[in-house]
Amino acid sequence: MKAAVFRQPGKPLTVEEVEIDEPVGREILIKTVAAGVCHSDLHFIEGLYPYPAPAVLGHESAGIVEAVGELVTSFKPGDHVVACLTVFCGNCEQCLSGRPHLCPNRASTQRNAAGCGRLRLNGENLFQFMDIGGYAEKMLLHENAVVKVTPEIPLDRAALIGCAVTTGLGSVFNTARVTPGSSVAVFGCGGIGLAAIQGARLAGARQIIAVDVFEQKLAAAKRFGATHTVAASGSDPVGAIRQLTGGGVDYSFEAIGKKLTAEQAFYCLAPGGVATVIGMVPGKDKLEIDGRHLLTEKKLQGTFMGSTRFRIDIPRYVDFYLQGRLNLDEMVSRRRSLDEINEAFEAMKAGEVVRTVLTFN
């Protein structure tokens, strides 16, 4: 099969012929139909976060089951499925406490301690990024990395739910628990930010302020539910938000992954407000918060994949889409082939797209 291989930071991905095993035990072999090009992968390509190489990147994928291992009972060939990177063991304290996204035992779902062994290139083991490896014509995954979805949803839309939508909506619903009638600011109007804006709309927020440096993204934010926009390239977004709200927002979300915007998300809060950092702030960066603001009971928190219980959440988000309450169609800005993956990342960096989806024959 063809797959996009990551060999070292700062270099383009190379599309190469890769060998993939047959499923055994609790594994599922999936024909990939669509894979979203996510900013998280770009962090690793650019070396902001380390990852072992060579590896097949990609983690926002959907497809159709081709074959299953002998211990699999919940999936069968022909099932439409979405992959999710919060692979869980199902037996640890976090899983049994309803927090499978924080499972520390995902190694139990892998073939070996190194987290590789299902893919090979010229006889050499390849790593599967986040145990998914979605930039490939097929995926061989543990069944606890997969959820079944109705064939009613097109798989190029369903793929987005595997990461961007689950992260954005989940950060609103599960992590921050936005309440009806509240005010919300969202920094960054890419795929995750627009999902957070839609989540705030679905949660009943009365005021949703979108912040970005690209005018076209602010225009998109309005279509997805933002009531106000702030162009961060020409003004102080914190001051603008405080002016729009008369003192600050109840909830803010940072969907970029930068030190400055994470701090701005905190400083734009009203007393008692909650700032949730969704973006992947590089590990070398330290956030700086004026301690006096803590006396007003403002909170700064992180989230991982929107605190998702994806086997529960993803089918619900699919229902939102089928009911016309969640706009996924406009989130797909472009469709490209696997061979065009590097061009898709360049378009992302230039702010030209909300989401590019790779489609497979």
Protein backbone atom coordinates (compact mmCIF):
# COMPACT_ATOMS: atom_id res chain seq x y z
CA MET A 1 0.00 0.00 0.00
CA LYS A 2 0.99 3.67 -0.32
CA ALA A 3 1.70 5.71 2.81
CA ALA A 4 3.22 9.11 3.64
CA VAL A 5 6.43 8.47 5.56
CA PHE A 6 8.00 10.88 8.05
CA ARG A 7 11.77 10.47 8.20
CA GLN A 8 13.08 13.54 10.01
CA PRO A 9 11.89 16.96 11.20
CA GLY A 10 11.96 19.79 8.71
CA LYS A 11 11.76 17.51 5.68
CA PRO A 12 8.74 16.83 3.42
CA LEU A 13 6.88 13.56 3.84
CA THR A 14 7.61 10.96 1.18
CA VAL A 15 4.89 8.77 -0.33
CA GLU A 16 6.25 5.22 -0.49
CA GLU A 17 5.15 1.60 -0.79
CA VAL A 18 4.72 0.15 2.70
CA GLU A 19 3.95 -3.38 3.89
CA ILE A 20 1.05 -3.91 6.28
CA ASP A 21 0.25 -7.11 8.22
CA GLU A 22 -3.01 -9.02 8.43
CA PRO A 23 -5.07 -8.46 11.61
CA VAL A 24 -4.61 -10.79 14.56
CA GLY A 25 -6.25 -10.89 17.99
CA ARG A 26 -8.15 -7.67 18.60
CA GLU A 27 -6.88 -5.87 15.50
CA ILE A 28 -8.93 -4.44 12.64
CA LEU A 29 -7.76 -3.83 9.07
CA ILE A 30 -9.38 -0.73 7.59
CA LYS A 31 -9.41 0.58 4.04
CA THR A 32 -8.83 4.32 4.49
CA VAL A 33 -11.40 6.46 2.68
CA ALA A 34 -10.52 9.91 4.05
CA ALA A 35 -7.93 11.53 6.32
CA GLY A 36 -7.93 15.10 7.59
CA VAL A 37 -4.70 17.09 7.47
CA CYS A 38 -4.35 18.30 11.05
CA HIS A 39 -2.06 20.96 12.54
CA SER A 40 -0.96 18.49 15.21
CA ASP A 41 0.91 16.48 12.58
CA LEU A 42 2.64 19.67 11.44
CA HIS A 43 4.04 20.19 14.96
CA PHE A 44 5.91 16.90 14.61
CA ILE A 45 6.99 17.53 11.02
CA GLU A 46 8.48 20.87 12.08
CA GLY A 47 10.20 19.32 15.10
CA LEU A 48 8.28 21.27 17.75
CA TYR A 49 7.46 17.92 19.35
CA PRO A 50 9.68 14.82 19.03
CA TYR A 51 8.49 11.59 17.45
CA PRO A 52 10.46 8.47 16.48
CA ALA A 53 11.14 7.86 12.81
CA PRO A 54 10.52 6.47 10.34
CA ALA A 55 6.78 6.78 10.93
CA VAL A 56 3.48 7.03 9.12
CA LEU A 57 1.79 10.19 10.37
CA GLY A 58 -1.93 11.01 10.33
CA HIS A 59 -4.56 10.45 12.99
CA GLU A 60 -7.86 11.97 11.73
CA SER A 61 -9.17 9.15 9.56
CA ALA A 62 -12.25 7.22 8.55
CA GLY A 63 -12.74 4.15 6.43
CA ILE A 64 -14.34 0.76 5.91
CA VAL A 65 -13.42 -2.44 7.75
CA GLU A 66 -11.80 -5.04 5.45
CA ALA A 67 -10.89 -7.77 7.94
CA VAL A 68 -10.79 -8.42 11.69
CA GLY A 69 -8.70 -10.50 14.06
CA GLU A 70 -10.03 -13.69 15.63
CA LEU A 71 -10.88 -12.01 18.97
CA VAL A 72 -12.89 -9.11 17.49
CA THR A 73 -16.65 -9.39 18.02
CA SER A 74 -17.92 -5.79 17.75
CA PHE A 75 -16.79 -5.06 14.16
CA LYS A 76 -17.16 -6.87 10.87
CA PRO A 77 -16.07 -6.32 7.25
CA GLY A 78 -18.10 -3.56 5.64
CA ASP A 79 -18.56 -1.49 8.81
CA HIS A 80 -17.96 2.25 8.43
CA VAL A 81 -15.64 3.43 11.18
CA VAL A 82 -13.81 6.48 12.53
CA ALA A 83 -10.39 6.15 14.15
CA CYS A 84 -9.54 8.13 17.28
CA LEU A 85 -6.09 8.61 18.79
CA THR A 86 -7.28 8.21 22.39
CA VAL A 87 -6.68 4.47 22.25
CA PHE A 88 -7.67 2.95 25.60
CA CYS A 89 -7.09 -0.31 27.43
CA GLY A 90 -10.51 -0.45 29.12
CA ASN A 91 -9.16 -1.88 32.39
CA CYS A 92 -7.14 0.80 34.19
CA GLU A 93 -8.34 3.27 36.83
CA GLN A 94 -8.69 6.12 34.31
CA CYS A 95 -10.75 4.00 31.92
CA LEU A 96 -12.96 2.63 34.67
CA SER A 97 -13.46 6.16 36.06
CA GLY A 98 -14.85 7.43 32.77
CA ARG A 99 -11.65 9.10 31.54
CA PRO A 100 -10.43 6.74 28.79
CA HIS A 101 -8.74 9.66 27.00
CA LEU A 102 -6.22 9.71 29.87
CA CYS A 103 -5.50 5.96 29.74
CA PRO A 104 -1.84 5.38 30.69
CA ASN A 105 -1.86 1.80 29.42
CA ARG A 106 -2.20 2.17 25.65
CA ALA A 107 0.92 -0.01 25.38
CA SER A 108 -1.38 -2.97 26.03
CA THR A 109 -3.03 -2.25 22.66
CA GLN A 110 0.29 -2.26 20.76
CA ARG A 111 2.22 -5.20 19.36
CA ASN A 112 5.43 -4.46 21.24
CA ALA A 113 6.92 -2.06 23.78
CA ALA A 114 8.32 0.18 21.03
CA GLY A 115 4.84 0.90 19.69
CA CYS A 116 5.53 -0.51 16.22
CA GLY A 117 5.37 -3.82 14.40
CA ARG A 118 2.29 -3.62 12.14
CA LEU A 119 3.97 -1.72 9.29
CA ARG A 120 7.29 -2.20 7.53
CA LEU A 121 9.33 -0.43 4.88
CA ASN A 122 12.07 -2.46 3.19
CA GLY A 123 12.05 -4.83 6.15
CA GLU A 124 12.33 -2.01 8.72
CA ASN A 125 9.60 -1.44 11.29
CA LEU A 126 7.57 1.75 10.88
CA PHE A 127 5.95 3.62 13.75
CA GLN A 128 2.22 4.38 13.56
CA PHE A 129 1.68 7.96 14.67
CA MET A 130 -0.49 7.92 17.80
CA ASP A 131 -1.20 4.25 17.05
CA ILE A 132 -3.19 5.31 13.96
CA GLY A 133 -0.94 6.15 10.98
CA GLY A 134 -3.81 7.54 8.91
CA TYR A 135 -1.86 8.94 5.95
CA ALA A 136 -1.98 5.54 4.30
CA GLU A 137 -4.28 3.53 2.05
CA LYS A 138 -4.94 1.10 4.91
CA MET A 139 -4.77 1.17 8.72
CA LEU A 140 -4.20 -1.79 11.04
CA LEU A 141 -5.54 -0.73 14.44
CA HIS A 142 -6.50 -2.14 17.81
CA GLU A 143 -10.29 -2.27 18.10
CA ASN A 144 -10.12 0.23 21.01
CA ALA A 145 -8.94 2.88 18.54
CA VAL A 146 -12.11 2.65 16.47
CA VAL A 147 -15.82 3.49 16.68
CA LYS A 148 -18.55 2.36 14.30
CA VAL A 149 -20.64 5.07 12.59
CA THR A 150 -23.72 4.99 10.40
CA PRO A 151 -23.12 4.84 6.63
CA GLU A 152 -25.45 7.85 6.33
CA ILE A 153 -22.56 10.23 7.03
CA PRO A 154 -20.01 10.67 4.20
CA LEU A 155 -16.65 9.42 5.38
CA ASP A 156 -14.79 12.57 4.34
CA ARG A 157 -16.97 14.43 6.84
CA ALA A 158 -16.79 11.65 9.43
CA ALA A 159 -12.98 11.78 9.36
CA LEU A 160 -13.06 15.31 10.82
CA ILE A 161 -14.93 14.00 13.84
CA GLY A 162 -11.96 11.77 14.64
CA CYS A 163 -9.92 14.73 15.88
CA ALA A 164 -10.86 18.36 15.12
CA VAL A 165 -14.56 18.11 15.86
CA THR A 166 -14.22 15.82 18.87
CA THR A 167 -11.50 18.06 20.32
CA GLY A 168 -13.33 21.34 19.73
CA LEU A 169 -16.80 20.23 20.78
CA GLY A 170 -15.49 18.12 23.65
CA SER A 171 -13.46 21.02 25.06
CA VAL A 172 -16.69 22.99 25.25
CA PHE A 173 -19.02 20.21 26.43
CA ASN A 174 -16.77 17.99 28.55
CA THR A 175 -13.75 20.00 29.71
CA ALA A 176 -15.07 23.53 30.24
CA ARG A 177 -18.79 22.67 30.44
CA VAL A 178 -20.02 25.90 28.90
CA THR A 179 -23.40 26.94 30.25
CA PRO A 180 -26.35 28.45 28.35
CA GLY A 181 -26.35 32.26 28.25
CA SER A 182 -22.61 32.55 28.86
CA SER A 183 -19.98 34.46 26.88
CA VAL A 184 -17.17 32.69 25.00
CA ALA A 185 -13.99 33.71 23.17
CA VAL A 186 -12.18 31.36 20.79
CA PHE A 187 -8.60 32.12 19.73
CA GLY A 188 -7.82 30.52 16.38
CA CYS A 189 -10.38 29.70 13.71
CA GLY A 190 -8.91 26.61 12.11
CA GLY A 191 -10.67 23.27 12.24
CA ILE A 192 -10.56 22.88 16.03
CA GLY A 193 -11.42 26.52 16.69
CA LEU A 194 -14.44 26.41 14.38
CA ALA A 195 -15.56 23.21 16.08
CA ALA A 196 -15.28 24.99 19.46
CA ILE A 197 -17.35 27.87 18.07
CA GLN A 198 -20.00 25.40 16.96
CA GLY A 199 -19.85 23.74 20.35
CA ALA A 200 -20.44 27.08 22.07
CA ARG A 201 -23.40 27.70 19.78
CA LEU A 202 -24.84 24.24 20.53
CA ALA A 203 -24.26 24.82 24.27
CA GLY A 204 -26.37 27.99 24.12
CA ALA A 205 -23.71 30.68 24.61
CA ARG A 206 -25.19 34.11 24.00
CA GLN A 207 -21.96 35.76 22.87
CA ILE A 208 -19.25 33.95 20.87
CA ILE A 209 -16.19 36.01 19.96
CA ALA A 210 -13.81 34.62 17.32
CA VAL A 211 -10.18 35.81 17.27
CA ASP A 212 -7.77 35.28 14.36
CA VAL A 213 -5.19 37.09 12.22
CA PHE A 214 -6.74 35.95 8.91
CA GLU A 215 -9.81 37.86 7.71
CA GLN A 216 -11.09 34.88 5.70
CA LYS A 217 -11.07 32.75 8.84
CA LEU A 218 -13.01 35.37 10.77
CA ALA A 219 -15.59 35.44 7.97
CA ALA A 220 -15.86 31.66 8.24
CA ALA A 221 -16.26 31.91 12.02
CA LYS A 222 -19.35 34.05 11.52
CA ARG A 223 -20.90 31.36 9.32
CA PHE A 224 -20.21 28.73 11.99
CA GLY A 225 -21.83 30.65 14.83
CA ALA A 226 -19.58 33.49 16.05
CA THR A 227 -21.56 36.57 17.05
CA HIS A 228 -18.50 38.86 17.03
CA THR A 229 -14.99 38.77 15.55
CA VAL A 230 -11.69 40.34 16.56
CA ALA A 231 -8.85 40.78 14.06
CA ALA A 232 -5.80 40.08 16.21
CA SER A 233 -3.39 41.34 13.56
CA GLY A 234 -4.43 44.95 14.00
CA SER A 235 -5.49 45.30 17.62
CA ASP A 236 -5.07 44.00 21.15
CA PRO A 237 -7.53 41.09 21.30
CA VAL A 238 -7.72 41.14 25.10
CA GLY A 239 -8.76 44.79 25.15
CA ALA A 240 -11.22 44.26 22.32
CA ILE A 241 -12.82 41.27 24.07
CA ARG A 242 -13.10 43.11 27.36
CA GLN A 243 -14.74 46.03 25.58
CA LEU A 244 -17.20 43.81 23.72
CA THR A 245 -18.23 42.02 26.92
CA GLY A 246 -18.01 44.81 29.45
CA GLY A 247 -15.26 43.14 31.45
CA GLY A 248 -14.33 39.76 30.00
CA VAL A 249 -15.74 36.40 28.95
CA ASP A 250 -16.96 33.52 31.06
CA TYR A 251 -15.06 30.96 28.98
CA SER A 252 -12.17 31.18 26.55
CA PHE A 253 -10.52 28.59 24.32
CA GLU A 254 -7.06 28.73 22.77
CA ALA A 255 -6.94 26.60 19.61
CA ILE A 256 -3.55 27.63 18.21
CA GLY A 257 -0.85 26.34 20.55
CA LYS A 258 1.16 29.51 21.19
CA LYS A 259 2.42 31.00 24.43
CA LEU A 260 1.08 34.48 23.65
CA THR A 261 -2.43 33.43 22.70
CA ALA A 262 -2.68 31.03 25.66
CA GLU A 263 -1.86 33.92 27.98
CA GLN A 264 -4.31 36.19 26.17
CA ALA A 265 -7.02 33.55 26.62
CA PHE A 266 -6.47 33.83 30.38
CA TYR A 267 -6.30 37.63 30.53
CA CYS A 268 -9.56 38.13 28.59
CA LEU A 269 -11.56 36.32 31.29
CA ALA A 270 -14.12 37.90 33.59
CA PRO A 271 -13.73 37.15 37.31
CA GLY A 272 -14.48 33.46 37.87
CA GLY A 273 -13.89 32.67 34.20
CA VAL A 274 -12.23 29.56 32.79
CA ALA A 275 -9.58 29.50 30.04
CA THR A 276 -9.02 26.16 28.29
CA VAL A 277 -5.87 25.69 26.23
CA ILE A 278 -6.61 23.23 23.43
CA GLY A 279 -3.60 23.97 21.24
CA MET A 280 -0.29 22.14 21.59
CA VAL A 281 1.99 24.75 23.16
CA PRO A 282 5.62 23.70 22.49
CA GLY A 283 7.22 22.01 25.50
CA LYS A 284 10.01 24.58 25.76
CA ASP A 285 7.51 27.41 26.30
CA LYS A 286 6.39 28.43 29.80
CA LEU A 287 3.13 30.30 30.32
CA GLU A 288 3.37 33.40 32.52
CA ILE A 289 0.34 34.52 34.50
CA ASP A 290 0.15 37.51 36.83
CA GLY A 291 -0.59 36.00 40.23
CA ARG A 292 -2.95 38.82 41.18
CA HIS A 293 -5.50 37.53 38.69
CA LEU A 294 -5.81 34.30 40.65
CA LEU A 295 -7.45 36.28 43.43
CA THR A 296 -10.43 36.77 41.12
CA GLU A 297 -10.85 32.99 40.82
CA LYS A 298 -9.91 32.83 37.15
CA LYS A 299 -8.79 29.39 36.03
CA LEU A 300 -6.34 28.18 33.40
CA GLN A 301 -6.64 24.56 32.34
CA GLY A 302 -5.60 22.23 29.59
CA THR A 303 -7.47 19.56 27.71
CA PHE A 304 -6.58 16.49 25.70
CA MET A 305 -8.87 15.57 22.81
CA GLY A 306 -11.75 17.39 24.44
CA SER A 307 -11.83 14.98 27.40
CA THR A 308 -13.54 12.59 25.00
CA ARG A 309 -15.18 9.25 25.62
CA PHE A 310 -15.11 8.76 21.87
CA ARG A 311 -17.26 5.62 21.73
CA ILE A 312 -20.04 7.75 23.26
CA ASP A 313 -19.26 11.19 21.87
CA ILE A 314 -18.55 10.50 18.19
CA PRO A 315 -21.95 8.87 17.42
CA ARG A 316 -23.61 11.86 19.12
CA TYR A 317 -21.65 14.30 16.96
CA VAL A 318 -22.65 12.29 13.89
CA ASP A 319 -26.29 12.73 14.93
CA PHE A 320 -25.75 16.50 15.26
CA TYR A 321 -24.47 16.51 11.67
CA LEU A 322 -27.32 14.40 10.29
CA GLN A 323 -29.82 16.64 12.09
CA GLY A 324 -28.33 19.73 10.43
CA ARG A 325 -27.08 21.18 13.73
CA LEU A 326 -23.35 20.64 13.12
CA ASN A 327 -21.80 22.08 9.96
CA LEU A 328 -19.09 19.73 8.68
CA ASP A 329 -19.59 20.34 4.97
CA GLU A 330 -18.04 23.80 5.03
CA MET A 331 -15.17 22.66 7.22
CA VAL A 332 -13.79 20.70 4.26
CA SER A 333 -12.06 23.44 2.29
CA ARG A 334 -10.21 21.19 -0.16
CA ARG A 335 -9.85 17.56 -1.09
CA ARG A 336 -6.49 16.25 -2.22
CA SER A 337 -4.81 12.95 -2.97
CA LEU A 338 -2.17 11.35 -0.75
CA ASP A 339 0.49 12.42 -3.26
CA GLU A 340 -0.41 16.06 -2.54
CA ILE A 341 0.05 15.86 1.21
CA ASN A 342 2.96 18.30 1.40
CA GLU A 343 0.99 20.89 -0.58
CA ALA A 344 -1.85 20.43 1.91
CA PHE A 345 0.46 21.32 4.79
CA GLU A 346 1.71 24.41 2.94
CA ALA A 347 -1.88 25.59 2.42
CA MET A 348 -2.51 25.08 6.14
CA LYS A 349 0.52 27.18 7.11
CA ALA A 350 -0.62 29.95 4.75
CA GLY A 351 -4.06 30.08 6.37
CA GLU A 352 -5.76 29.18 3.10
CA VAL A 353 -7.93 26.36 4.42
CA VAL A 354 -10.05 25.29 7.35
CA ARG A 355 -9.34 21.63 6.67
CA THR A 356 -7.88 19.71 3.77
CA VAL A 357 -9.09 16.12 3.52
CA LEU A 358 -7.06 13.49 1.73
CA THR A 359 -9.34 11.14 -0.18
CA PHE A 360 -8.43 7.60 -1.26
CA ASN A 361 -9.84 5.56 -4.15
